[in-house]
Protein backbone atom coordinates (compact mmCIF):
# COMPACT_ATOMS: atom_id res chain seq x y z
CA UNK A 1 -4.16 6.42 -3.48
CA UNK A 2 -1.48 5.29 -5.76
CA UNK A 3 -0.22 2.92 -3.06
CA UNK A 4 -3.38 1.22 -2.83
CA UNK A 5 -3.93 1.13 -6.65
CA UNK A 6 -0.62 -0.42 -7.12
CA UNK A 7 -1.88 -3.37 -4.97
CA UNK A 8 -0.36 -2.39 -1.38
CA UNK A 9 -2.99 -2.57 1.02
CA UNK A 10 -4.01 -3.89 4.52
CA UNK A 11 -5.92 -7.17 4.89
CA UNK A 12 -9.28 -5.51 5.40
CA UNK A 13 -9.17 -3.93 1.96
CA UNK A 14 -7.43 -6.89 0.33
CA UNK A 15 -10.31 -9.18 1.27
CA UNK A 16 -12.66 -6.95 -0.55
CA UNK A 17 -10.60 -7.35 -3.72
CA UNK A 18 -10.55 -11.12 -3.46
CA UNK A 19 -9.00 -14.19 -1.63
CA UNK A 20 -5.70 -14.29 -3.65
CA UNK A 21 -5.06 -10.53 -3.04
CA UNK A 22 -1.85 -10.10 -1.12
CA UNK A 23 -1.80 -7.67 1.97
CA UNK A 24 0.49 -5.89 4.28
CA UNK A 25 0.36 -5.37 8.22
CA UNK A 26 -0.74 -1.88 9.12
CA UNK A 27 3.06 -1.20 9.90
CA UNK A 28 4.01 -2.56 6.55
CA UNK A 29 1.34 -0.48 4.82
CA UNK A 30 2.52 2.73 6.65
CA UNK A 31 6.13 1.99 5.57
CA UNK A 32 5.02 1.51 1.98
CA UNK A 33 3.17 4.75 2.13
CA UNK A 34 6.21 6.72 3.53
CA UNK A 35 8.61 5.03 0.94
CA UNK A 36 6.22 6.25 -1.93
CA UNK A 37 5.86 9.73 -0.28
CA UNK A 38 9.57 10.05 -0.06
CA UNK A 39 10.15 8.87 -3.71
CA UNK A 40 7.50 11.53 -4.90
CA UNK A 41 9.05 14.37 -2.86
CA UNK A 42 12.61 13.54 -4.12
CA UNK A 43 11.23 13.74 -7.72
CA UNK A 44 9.99 17.12 -7.05
C-alpha cells in the first residue's frame, strides 16, 4: 500500500487519480515494490 500511496502505480490506477498522475509499467511497479520490500526488511 505504501508504494501506491507514495505515487508509484500502474496506468490503470493512475488514470483513476487523474490525467497528470505518472505511472509505471507492470514490471516497473513490481521492481518498485521489491525495492521497497528490501528496504523494509533491511530496516528490521
